[in-house]
Amino acid sequence: VYAGWGLSQAFYWQRVYERLGFPTLEDFLTGVWEPN
């Protein structure tokens, strides 16, 4: 739930998480938000 609010729509639309080293959205959720 937090992941959808902490970052903007544009962040996800532009797939910035890929530039951070997470190939998929699921990788980003499990690699950043859940461990947080």
PDB file of all heavy atoms in Angstrom:
ATOM      1  N   VAL A   1       0.847  -1.196   0.000  1.00  0.00           N
ATOM      2  CA  VAL A   1       0.000   0.000   0.000  1.00  0.00           C
ATOM      3  C   VAL A   1       0.882   1.245   0.000  1.00  0.00           C
ATOM      4  O   VAL A   1       0.654   2.195  -0.766  1.00  0.00           O
ATOM      5  CB  VAL A   1      -0.946   0.001   1.208  1.00  0.00           C
ATOM      6  CG1 VAL A   1      -1.658   1.347   1.332  1.00  0.00           C
ATOM      7  CG2 VAL A   1      -1.977  -1.123   1.096  1.00  0.00           C
ATOM      8  N   TYR A   2       1.891   1.233   0.829  1.00  0.00           N
ATOM      9  CA  TYR A   2       2.791   2.383   0.930  1.00  0.00           C
ATOM     10  C   TYR A   2       3.485   2.674  -0.404  1.00  0.00           C
ATOM     11  O   TYR A   2       3.701   3.836  -0.776  1.00  0.00           O
ATOM     12  CB  TYR A   2       3.849   2.117   2.004  1.00  0.00           C
ATOM     13  CG  TYR A   2       4.151   3.294   2.887  1.00  0.00           C
ATOM     14  CD1 TYR A   2       3.826   3.268   4.237  1.00  0.00           C
ATOM     15  CD2 TYR A   2       4.774   4.431   2.386  1.00  0.00           C
ATOM     16  CE1 TYR A   2       4.106   4.348   5.056  1.00  0.00           C
ATOM     17  CE2 TYR A   2       5.062   5.513   3.206  1.00  0.00           C
ATOM     18  CZ  TYR A   2       4.726   5.463   4.541  1.00  0.00           C
ATOM     19  OH  TYR A   2       5.001   6.522   5.347  1.00  0.00           O
ATOM     20  N   ALA A   3       3.829   1.599  -1.146  1.00  0.00           N
ATOM     21  CA  ALA A   3       4.564   1.765  -2.396  1.00  0.00           C
ATOM     22  C   ALA A   3       3.791   2.590  -3.413  1.00  0.00           C
ATOM     23  O   ALA A   3       4.382   3.300  -4.240  1.00  0.00           O
ATOM     24  CB  ALA A   3       4.894   0.395  -2.986  1.00  0.00           C
ATOM     25  N   GLY A   4       2.470   2.516  -3.369  1.00  0.00           N
ATOM     26  CA  GLY A   4       1.655   3.265  -4.308  1.00  0.00           C
ATOM     27  C   GLY A   4       1.504   4.724  -3.966  1.00  0.00           C
ATOM     28  O   GLY A   4       1.028   5.519  -4.786  1.00  0.00           O
ATOM     29  N   TRP A   5       1.877   5.097  -2.761  1.00  0.00           N
ATOM     30  CA  TRP A   5       1.741   6.482  -2.300  1.00  0.00           C
ATOM     31  C   TRP A   5       3.084   7.190  -2.131  1.00  0.00           C
ATOM     32  O   TRP A   5       3.167   8.403  -2.283  1.00  0.00           O
ATOM     33  CB  TRP A   5       1.010   6.505  -0.954  1.00  0.00           C
ATOM     34  CG  TRP A   5      -0.441   6.168  -1.029  1.00  0.00           C
ATOM     35  CD1 TRP A   5      -0.993   4.921  -1.133  1.00  0.00           C
ATOM     36  CD2 TRP A   5      -1.521   7.082  -0.990  1.00  0.00           C
ATOM     37  NE1 TRP A   5      -2.363   5.008  -1.145  1.00  0.00           N
ATOM     38  CE2 TRP A   5      -2.712   6.331  -1.060  1.00  0.00           C
ATOM     39  CE3 TRP A   5      -1.614   8.466  -0.890  1.00  0.00           C
ATOM     40  CZ2 TRP A   5      -3.973   6.918  -1.041  1.00  0.00           C
ATOM     41  CZ3 TRP A   5      -2.864   9.050  -0.867  1.00  0.00           C
ATOM     42  CH2 TRP A   5      -4.025   8.285  -0.956  1.00  0.00           C
ATOM     43  N   GLY A   6       4.124   6.448  -1.793  1.00  0.00           N
ATOM     44  CA  GLY A   6       5.400   7.081  -1.495  1.00  0.00           C
ATOM     45  C   GLY A   6       6.081   7.679  -2.705  1.00  0.00           C
ATOM     46  O   GLY A   6       6.888   8.599  -2.578  1.00  0.00           O
ATOM     47  N   LEU A   7       5.771   7.142  -3.878  1.00  0.00           N
ATOM     48  CA  LEU A   7       6.343   7.642  -5.123  1.00  0.00           C
ATOM     49  C   LEU A   7       5.221   8.050  -6.065  1.00  0.00           C
ATOM     50  O   LEU A   7       4.092   7.583  -5.941  1.00  0.00           O
ATOM     51  CB  LEU A   7       7.214   6.562  -5.767  1.00  0.00           C
ATOM     52  CG  LEU A   7       8.486   6.220  -4.983  1.00  0.00           C
ATOM     53  CD1 LEU A   7       9.012   4.852  -5.371  1.00  0.00           C
ATOM     54  CD2 LEU A   7       9.556   7.291  -5.189  1.00  0.00           C
ATOM     55  N   SER A   8       5.543   8.884  -7.026  1.00  0.00           N
ATOM     56  CA  SER A   8       4.505   9.449  -7.884  1.00  0.00           C
ATOM     57  C   SER A   8       4.116   8.506  -9.019  1.00  0.00           C
ATOM     58  O   SER A   8       4.826   7.550  -9.349  1.00  0.00           O
ATOM     59  CB  SER A   8       4.979  10.772  -8.477  1.00  0.00           C
ATOM     60  OG  SER A   8       5.947  10.543  -9.493  1.00  0.00           O
ATOM     61  N   GLN A   9       2.990   8.833  -9.660  1.00  0.00           N
ATOM     62  CA  GLN A   9       2.575   8.106 -10.854  1.00  0.00           C
ATOM     63  C   GLN A   9       3.657   8.199 -11.938  1.00  0.00           C
ATOM     64  O   GLN A   9       3.951   7.221 -12.627  1.00  0.00           O
ATOM     65  CB  GLN A   9       1.257   8.667 -11.388  1.00  0.00           C
ATOM     66  CG  GLN A   9       0.074   8.496 -10.448  1.00  0.00           C
ATOM     67  CD  GLN A   9      -0.199   9.747  -9.639  1.00  0.00           C
ATOM     68  OE1 GLN A   9       0.726  10.504  -9.320  1.00  0.00           O
ATOM     69  NE2 GLN A   9      -1.459   9.972  -9.290  1.00  0.00           N
ATOM     70  N   ALA A  10       4.251   9.381 -12.072  1.00  0.00           N
ATOM     71  CA  ALA A  10       5.275   9.586 -13.097  1.00  0.00           C
ATOM     72  C   ALA A  10       6.500   8.708 -12.857  1.00  0.00           C
ATOM     73  O   ALA A  10       7.127   8.217 -13.806  1.00  0.00           O
ATOM     74  CB  ALA A  10       5.688  11.056 -13.140  1.00  0.00           C
ATOM     75  N   PHE A  11       6.858   8.507 -11.586  1.00  0.00           N
ATOM     76  CA  PHE A  11       7.990   7.629 -11.247  1.00  0.00           C
ATOM     77  C   PHE A  11       7.758   6.240 -11.831  1.00  0.00           C
ATOM     78  O   PHE A  11       8.655   5.638 -12.443  1.00  0.00           O
ATOM     79  CB  PHE A  11       8.156   7.568  -9.730  1.00  0.00           C
ATOM     80  CG  PHE A  11       9.251   6.659  -9.259  1.00  0.00           C
ATOM     81  CD1 PHE A  11      10.506   7.155  -8.974  1.00  0.00           C
ATOM     82  CD2 PHE A  11       9.033   5.290  -9.088  1.00  0.00           C
ATOM     83  CE1 PHE A  11      11.531   6.323  -8.534  1.00  0.00           C
ATOM     84  CE2 PHE A  11      10.045   4.450  -8.653  1.00  0.00           C
ATOM     85  CZ  PHE A  11      11.292   4.963  -8.382  1.00  0.00           C
ATOM     86  N   TYR A  12       6.555   5.733 -11.635  1.00  0.00           N
ATOM     87  CA  TYR A  12       6.254   4.397 -12.132  1.00  0.00           C
ATOM     88  C   TYR A  12       6.051   4.393 -13.647  1.00  0.00           C
ATOM     89  O   TYR A  12       6.468   3.462 -14.347  1.00  0.00           O
ATOM     90  CB  TYR A  12       5.029   3.834 -11.416  1.00  0.00           C
ATOM     91  CG  TYR A  12       5.315   3.455  -9.974  1.00  0.00           C
ATOM     92  CD1 TYR A  12       4.849   4.231  -8.920  1.00  0.00           C
ATOM     93  CD2 TYR A  12       6.071   2.327  -9.673  1.00  0.00           C
ATOM     94  CE1 TYR A  12       5.113   3.884  -7.605  1.00  0.00           C
ATOM     95  CE2 TYR A  12       6.344   1.972  -8.361  1.00  0.00           C
ATOM     96  CZ  TYR A  12       5.865   2.758  -7.325  1.00  0.00           C
ATOM     97  OH  TYR A  12       6.140   2.405  -6.037  1.00  0.00           O
ATOM     98  N   TRP A  13       5.394   5.422 -14.176  1.00  0.00           N
ATOM     99  CA  TRP A  13       5.153   5.503 -15.613  1.00  0.00           C
ATOM    100  C   TRP A  13       6.475   5.516 -16.386  1.00  0.00           C
ATOM    101  O   TRP A  13       6.614   4.871 -17.429  1.00  0.00           O
ATOM    102  CB  TRP A  13       4.342   6.760 -15.930  1.00  0.00           C
ATOM    103  CG  TRP A  13       4.083   6.973 -17.392  1.00  0.00           C
ATOM    104  CD1 TRP A  13       4.702   7.860 -18.223  1.00  0.00           C
ATOM    105  CD2 TRP A  13       3.128   6.277 -18.204  1.00  0.00           C
ATOM    106  NE1 TRP A  13       4.196   7.774 -19.498  1.00  0.00           N
ATOM    107  CE2 TRP A  13       3.219   6.806 -19.516  1.00  0.00           C
ATOM    108  CE3 TRP A  13       2.194   5.273 -17.956  1.00  0.00           C
ATOM    109  CZ2 TRP A  13       2.431   6.353 -20.563  1.00  0.00           C
ATOM    110  CZ3 TRP A  13       1.402   4.825 -19.011  1.00  0.00           C
ATOM    111  CH2 TRP A  13       1.524   5.366 -20.285  1.00  0.00           C
ATOM    112  N   GLN A  14       7.458   6.219 -15.841  1.00  0.00           N
ATOM    113  CA  GLN A  14       8.764   6.303 -16.497  1.00  0.00           C
ATOM    114  C   GLN A  14       9.690   5.137 -16.129  1.00  0.00           C
ATOM    115  O   GLN A  14      10.847   5.107 -16.556  1.00  0.00           O
ATOM    116  CB  GLN A  14       9.434   7.633 -16.145  1.00  0.00           C
ATOM    117  CG  GLN A  14       8.677   8.842 -16.673  1.00  0.00           C
ATOM    118  CD  GLN A  14       9.357  10.160 -16.335  1.00  0.00           C
ATOM    119  OE1 GLN A  14      10.573  10.225 -16.170  1.00  0.00           O
ATOM    120  NE2 GLN A  14       8.572  11.232 -16.234  1.00  0.00           N
ATOM    121  N   ARG A  15       9.191   4.205 -15.340  1.00  0.00           N
ATOM    122  CA  ARG A  15       9.927   2.993 -14.957  1.00  0.00           C
ATOM    123  C   ARG A  15      11.308   3.320 -14.368  1.00  0.00           C
ATOM    124  O   ARG A  15      12.324   2.690 -14.695  1.00  0.00           O
ATOM    125  CB  ARG A  15      10.070   2.058 -16.157  1.00  0.00           C
ATOM    126  CG  ARG A  15       8.738   1.582 -16.729  1.00  0.00           C
ATOM    127  CD  ARG A  15       8.937   0.703 -17.951  1.00  0.00           C
ATOM    128  NE  ARG A  15       7.654   0.285 -18.499  1.00  0.00           N
ATOM    129  CZ  ARG A  15       7.004  -0.828 -18.160  1.00  0.00           C
ATOM    130  NH1 ARG A  15       7.520  -1.647 -17.261  1.00  0.00           N
ATOM    131  NH2 ARG A  15       5.849  -1.118 -18.730  1.00  0.00           N
ATOM    132  N   VAL A  16      11.317   4.285 -13.487  1.00  0.00           N
ATOM    133  CA  VAL A  16      12.583   4.676 -12.860  1.00  0.00           C
ATOM    134  C   VAL A  16      13.175   3.512 -12.069  1.00  0.00           C
ATOM    135  O   VAL A  16      14.400   3.388 -11.951  1.00  0.00           O
ATOM    136  CB  VAL A  16      12.361   5.907 -11.947  1.00  0.00           C
ATOM    137  CG1 VAL A  16      13.645   6.274 -11.217  1.00  0.00           C
ATOM    138  CG2 VAL A  16      11.871   7.092 -12.775  1.00  0.00           C
ATOM    139  N   TYR A  17      12.313   2.645 -11.567  1.00  0.00           N
ATOM    140  CA  TYR A  17      12.806   1.498 -10.806  1.00  0.00           C
ATOM    141  C   TYR A  17      13.748   0.624 -11.644  1.00  0.00           C
ATOM    142  O   TYR A  17      14.657  -0.017 -11.101  1.00  0.00           O
ATOM    143  CB  TYR A  17      11.640   0.671 -10.252  1.00  0.00           C
ATOM    144  CG  TYR A  17      10.627   0.229 -11.271  1.00  0.00           C
ATOM    145  CD1 TYR A  17      10.805  -0.946 -12.002  1.00  0.00           C
ATOM    146  CD2 TYR A  17       9.468   0.968 -11.505  1.00  0.00           C
ATOM    147  CE1 TYR A  17       9.880  -1.365 -12.944  1.00  0.00           C
ATOM    148  CE2 TYR A  17       8.525   0.561 -12.440  1.00  0.00           C
ATOM    149  CZ  TYR A  17       8.749  -0.601 -13.158  1.00  0.00           C
ATOM    150  OH  TYR A  17       7.815  -1.014 -14.080  1.00  0.00           O
ATOM    151  N   GLU A  18      13.556   0.600 -12.970  1.00  0.00           N
ATOM    152  CA  GLU A  18      14.467  -0.173 -13.812  1.00  0.00           C
ATOM    153  C   GLU A  18      15.862   0.424 -13.787  1.00  0.00           C
ATOM    154  O   GLU A  18      16.862  -0.306 -13.755  1.00  0.00           O
ATOM    155  CB  GLU A  18      13.932  -0.232 -15.244  1.00  0.00           C
ATOM    156  CG  GLU A  18      12.637  -1.028 -15.378  1.00  0.00           C
ATOM    157  CD  GLU A  18      12.134  -1.059 -16.809  1.00  0.00           C
ATOM    158  OE1 GLU A  18      12.744  -0.381 -17.673  1.00  0.00           O
ATOM    159  OE2 GLU A  18      11.126  -1.749 -17.071  1.00  0.00           O
ATOM    160  N   ARG A  19      15.930   1.755 -13.767  1.00  0.00           N
ATOM    161  CA  ARG A  19      17.235   2.421 -13.719  1.00  0.00           C
ATOM    162  C   ARG A  19      17.913   2.227 -12.367  1.00  0.00           C
ATOM    163  O   ARG A  19      19.127   2.410 -12.238  1.00  0.00           O
ATOM    164  CB  ARG A  19      17.087   3.916 -14.027  1.00  0.00           C
ATOM    165  CG  ARG A  19      16.463   4.197 -15.393  1.00  0.00           C
ATOM    166  CD  ARG A  19      16.795   5.585 -15.891  1.00  0.00           C
ATOM    167  NE  ARG A  19      16.228   6.646 -15.077  1.00  0.00           N
ATOM    168  CZ  ARG A  19      15.033   7.194 -15.293  1.00  0.00           C
ATOM    169  NH1 ARG A  19      14.260   6.746 -16.290  1.00  0.00           N
ATOM    170  NH2 ARG A  19      14.597   8.167 -14.530  1.00  0.00           N
ATOM    171  N   LEU A  20      17.121   1.855 -11.363  1.00  0.00           N
ATOM    172  CA  LEU A  20      17.674   1.593 -10.034  1.00  0.00           C
ATOM    173  C   LEU A  20      18.120   0.142  -9.874  1.00  0.00           C
ATOM    174  O   LEU A  20      18.568  -0.264  -8.798  1.00  0.00           O
ATOM    175  CB  LEU A  20      16.629   1.934  -8.965  1.00  0.00           C
ATOM    176  CG  LEU A  20      16.179   3.395  -8.913  1.00  0.00           C
ATOM    177  CD1 LEU A  20      15.061   3.568  -7.895  1.00  0.00           C
ATOM    178  CD2 LEU A  20      17.343   4.318  -8.586  1.00  0.00           C
ATOM    179  N   GLY A  21      17.955  -0.637 -10.948  1.00  0.00           N
ATOM    180  CA  GLY A  21      18.438  -2.015 -10.914  1.00  0.00           C
ATOM    181  C   GLY A  21      17.380  -3.073 -10.673  1.00  0.00           C
ATOM    182  O   GLY A  21      17.730  -4.228 -10.394  1.00  0.00           O
ATOM    183  N   PHE A  22      16.103  -2.718 -10.790  1.00  0.00           N
ATOM    184  CA  PHE A  22      15.018  -3.675 -10.587  1.00  0.00           C
ATOM    185  C   PHE A  22      14.314  -3.909 -11.917  1.00  0.00           C
ATOM    186  O   PHE A  22      13.584  -3.035 -12.403  1.00  0.00           O
ATOM    187  CB  PHE A  22      14.049  -3.160  -9.524  1.00  0.00           C
ATOM    188  CG  PHE A  22      14.699  -2.948  -8.185  1.00  0.00           C
ATOM    189  CD1 PHE A  22      15.203  -1.697  -7.826  1.00  0.00           C
ATOM    190  CD2 PHE A  22      14.863  -4.000  -7.302  1.00  0.00           C
ATOM    191  CE1 PHE A  22      15.824  -1.498  -6.619  1.00  0.00           C
ATOM    192  CE2 PHE A  22      15.494  -3.812  -6.083  1.00  0.00           C
ATOM    193  CZ  PHE A  22      15.971  -2.567  -5.730  1.00  0.00           C
ATOM    194  N   PRO A  23      14.508  -5.074 -12.526  1.00  0.00           N
ATOM    195  CA  PRO A  23      13.987  -5.312 -13.875  1.00  0.00           C
ATOM    196  C   PRO A  23      12.474  -5.245 -13.982  1.00  0.00           C
ATOM    197  O   PRO A  23      11.943  -4.870 -15.025  1.00  0.00           O
ATOM    198  CB  PRO A  23      14.495  -6.725 -14.210  1.00  0.00           C
ATOM    199  CG  PRO A  23      15.629  -6.967 -13.277  1.00  0.00           C
ATOM    200  CD  PRO A  23      15.308  -6.196 -12.040  1.00  0.00           C
ATOM    201  N   THR A  24      11.776  -5.632 -12.915  1.00  0.00           N
ATOM    202  CA  THR A  24      10.317  -5.637 -12.960  1.00  0.00           C
ATOM    203  C   THR A  24       9.756  -4.887 -11.767  1.00  0.00           C
ATOM    204  O   THR A  24      10.451  -4.658 -10.761  1.00  0.00           O
ATOM    205  CB  THR A  24       9.760  -7.077 -12.926  1.00  0.00           C
ATOM    206  OG1 THR A  24      10.002  -7.647 -11.628  1.00  0.00           O
ATOM    207  CG2 THR A  24      10.401  -7.941 -13.993  1.00  0.00           C
ATOM    208  N   LEU A  25       8.475  -4.550 -11.890  1.00  0.00           N
ATOM    209  CA  LEU A  25       7.794  -3.884 -10.788  1.00  0.00           C
ATOM    210  C   LEU A  25       7.771  -4.775  -9.551  1.00  0.00           C
ATOM    211  O   LEU A  25       7.958  -4.301  -8.421  1.00  0.00           O
ATOM    212  CB  LEU A  25       6.373  -3.523 -11.217  1.00  0.00           C
ATOM    213  CG  LEU A  25       5.548  -2.652 -10.267  1.00  0.00           C
ATOM    214  CD1 LEU A  25       6.252  -1.330 -10.004  1.00  0.00           C
ATOM    215  CD2 LEU A  25       4.161  -2.412 -10.853  1.00  0.00           C
ATOM    216  N   GLU A  26       7.548  -6.071  -9.751  1.00  0.00           N
ATOM    217  CA  GLU A  26       7.538  -7.001  -8.623  1.00  0.00           C
ATOM    218  C   GLU A  26       8.901  -7.036  -7.933  1.00  0.00           C
ATOM    219  O   GLU A  26       8.990  -7.081  -6.699  1.00  0.00           O
ATOM    220  CB  GLU A  26       7.143  -8.401  -9.095  1.00  0.00           C
ATOM    221  CG  GLU A  26       7.061  -9.446  -7.991  1.00  0.00           C
ATOM    222  CD  GLU A  26       5.957  -9.181  -6.981  1.00  0.00           C
ATOM    223  OE1 GLU A  26       5.055  -8.349  -7.252  1.00  0.00           O
ATOM    224  OE2 GLU A  26       5.992  -9.800  -5.896  1.00  0.00           O
ATOM    225  N   ASP A  27       9.958  -6.999  -8.716  1.00  0.00           N
ATOM    226  CA  ASP A  27      11.300  -6.946  -8.125  1.00  0.00           C
ATOM    227  C   ASP A  27      11.463  -5.709  -7.246  1.00  0.00           C
ATOM    228  O   ASP A  27      12.102  -5.771  -6.183  1.00  0.00           O
ATOM    229  CB  ASP A  27      12.369  -6.927  -9.222  1.00  0.00           C
ATOM    230  CG  ASP A  27      12.481  -8.238  -9.967  1.00  0.00           C
ATOM    231  OD1 ASP A  27      12.194  -9.289  -9.373  1.00  0.00           O
ATOM    232  OD2 ASP A  27      12.850  -8.202 -11.164  1.00  0.00           O
ATOM    233  N   PHE A  28      10.906  -4.591  -7.701  1.00  0.00           N
ATOM    234  CA  PHE A  28      11.008  -3.345  -6.939  1.00  0.00           C
ATOM    235  C   PHE A  28      10.220  -3.445  -5.632  1.00  0.00           C
ATOM    236  O   PHE A  28      10.706  -3.039  -4.572  1.00  0.00           O
ATOM    237  CB  PHE A  28      10.493  -2.194  -7.792  1.00  0.00           C
ATOM    238  CG  PHE A  28      10.639  -0.830  -7.170  1.00  0.00           C
ATOM    239  CD1 PHE A  28      11.873  -0.372  -6.747  1.00  0.00           C
ATOM    240  CD2 PHE A  28       9.544   0.001  -7.026  1.00  0.00           C
ATOM    241  CE1 PHE A  28      12.027   0.885  -6.181  1.00  0.00           C
ATOM    242  CE2 PHE A  28       9.674   1.266  -6.458  1.00  0.00           C
ATOM    243  CZ  PHE A  28      10.919   1.707  -6.037  1.00  0.00           C
ATOM    244  N   LEU A  29       9.030  -4.016  -5.693  1.00  0.00           N
ATOM    245  CA  LEU A  29       8.202  -4.146  -4.488  1.00  0.00           C
ATOM    246  C   LEU A  29       8.848  -5.079  -3.474  1.00  0.00           C
ATOM    247  O   LEU A  29       8.871  -4.794  -2.272  1.00  0.00           O
ATOM    248  CB  LEU A  29       6.811  -4.648  -4.860  1.00  0.00           C
ATOM    249  CG  LEU A  29       5.959  -3.707  -5.715  1.00  0.00           C
ATOM    250  CD1 LEU A  29       4.661  -4.379  -6.124  1.00  0.00           C
ATOM    251  CD2 LEU A  29       5.672  -2.411  -4.977  1.00  0.00           C
ATOM    252  N   THR A  30       9.371  -6.197  -3.954  1.00  0.00           N
ATOM    253  CA  THR A  30       9.969  -7.164  -3.034  1.00  0.00           C
ATOM    254  C   THR A  30      11.392  -6.793  -2.637  1.00  0.00           C
ATOM    255  O   THR A  30      11.880  -7.208  -1.585  1.00  0.00           O
ATOM    256  CB  THR A  30       9.967  -8.571  -3.641  1.00  0.00           C
ATOM    257  OG1 THR A  30      10.698  -8.555  -4.880  1.00  0.00           O
ATOM    258  CG2 THR A  30       8.547  -9.056  -3.890  1.00  0.00           C
ATOM    259  N   GLY A  31      12.054  -6.000  -3.482  1.00  0.00           N
ATOM    260  CA  GLY A  31      13.445  -5.650  -3.200  1.00  0.00           C
ATOM    261  C   GLY A  31      13.635  -4.378  -2.412  1.00  0.00           C
ATOM    262  O   GLY A  31      14.668  -4.193  -1.756  1.00  0.00           O
ATOM    263  N   VAL A  32      12.628  -3.483  -2.451  1.00  0.00           N
ATOM    264  CA  VAL A  32      12.740  -2.200  -1.747  1.00  0.00           C
ATOM    265  C   VAL A  32      11.645  -2.035  -0.696  1.00  0.00           C
ATOM    266  O   VAL A  32      11.928  -1.840   0.483  1.00  0.00           O
ATOM    267  CB  VAL A  32      12.689  -1.024  -2.751  1.00  0.00           C
ATOM    268  CG1 VAL A  32      12.612   0.311  -2.010  1.00  0.00           C
ATOM    269  CG2 VAL A  32      13.913  -1.042  -3.648  1.00  0.00           C
ATOM    270  N   TRP A  33      10.402  -2.114  -1.121  1.00  0.00           N
ATOM    271  CA  TRP A  33       9.321  -1.741  -0.216  1.00  0.00           C
ATOM    272  C   TRP A  33       9.082  -2.753   0.888  1.00  0.00           C
ATOM    273  O   TRP A  33       8.919  -2.372   2.064  1.00  0.00           O
ATOM    274  CB  TRP A  33       8.038  -1.487  -1.015  1.00  0.00           C
ATOM    275  CG  TRP A  33       8.128  -0.179  -1.723  1.00  0.00           C
ATOM    276  CD1 TRP A  33       8.453   0.036  -3.030  1.00  0.00           C
ATOM    277  CD2 TRP A  33       7.972   1.110  -1.128  1.00  0.00           C
ATOM    278  NE1 TRP A  33       8.488   1.386  -3.296  1.00  0.00           N
ATOM    279  CE2 TRP A  33       8.192   2.072  -2.151  1.00  0.00           C
ATOM    280  CE3 TRP A  33       7.661   1.558   0.151  1.00  0.00           C
ATOM    281  CZ2 TRP A  33       8.107   3.437  -1.915  1.00  0.00           C
ATOM    282  CZ3 TRP A  33       7.575   2.914   0.390  1.00  0.00           C
ATOM    283  CH2 TRP A  33       7.802   3.840  -0.638  1.00  0.00           C
ATOM    284  N   GLU A  34       9.068  -4.017   0.569  1.00  0.00           N
ATOM    285  CA  GLU A  34       8.844  -5.003   1.632  1.00  0.00           C
ATOM    286  C   GLU A  34       9.982  -5.008   2.652  1.00  0.00           C
ATOM    287  O   GLU A  34       9.728  -4.982   3.865  1.00  0.00           O
ATOM    288  CB  GLU A  34       8.602  -6.376   1.027  1.00  0.00           C
ATOM    289  CG  GLU A  34       7.273  -6.473   0.293  1.00  0.00           C
ATOM    290  CD  GLU A  34       7.003  -7.842  -0.284  1.00  0.00           C
ATOM    291  OE1 GLU A  34       7.668  -8.811   0.143  1.00  0.00           O
ATOM    292  OE2 GLU A  34       6.126  -7.959  -1.163  1.00  0.00           O
ATOM    293  N   PRO A  35      11.238  -5.008   2.230  1.00  0.00           N
ATOM    294  CA  PRO A  35      12.320  -4.946   3.217  1.00  0.00           C
ATOM    295  C   PRO A  35      12.332  -3.658   4.041  1.00  0.00           C
ATOM    296  O   PRO A  35      12.807  -3.644   5.175  1.00  0.00           O
ATOM    297  CB  PRO A  35      13.593  -5.060   2.361  1.00  0.00           C
ATOM    298  CG  PRO A  35      13.157  -5.717   1.105  1.00  0.00           C
ATOM    299  CD  PRO A  35      11.758  -5.238   0.875  1.00  0.00           C
ATOM    300  N   ASN A  36      11.795  -2.575   3.472  1.00  0.00           N
ATOM    301  CA  ASN A  36      11.806  -1.297   4.183  1.00  0.00           C
ATOM    302  C   ASN A  36      11.083  -1.368   5.521  1.00  0.00           C
ATOM    303  O   ASN A  36      11.460  -0.699   6.480  1.00  0.00           O
ATOM    304  CB  ASN A  36      11.176  -0.221   3.307  1.00  0.00           C
ATOM    305  CG  ASN A  36      11.304   1.163   3.901  1.00  0.00           C
ATOM    306  OD1 ASN A  36      12.396   1.649   4.133  1.00  0.00           O
ATOM    307  ND2 ASN A  36      10.175   1.805   4.164  1.00  0.00           N
TER     308      ASN A  36
END
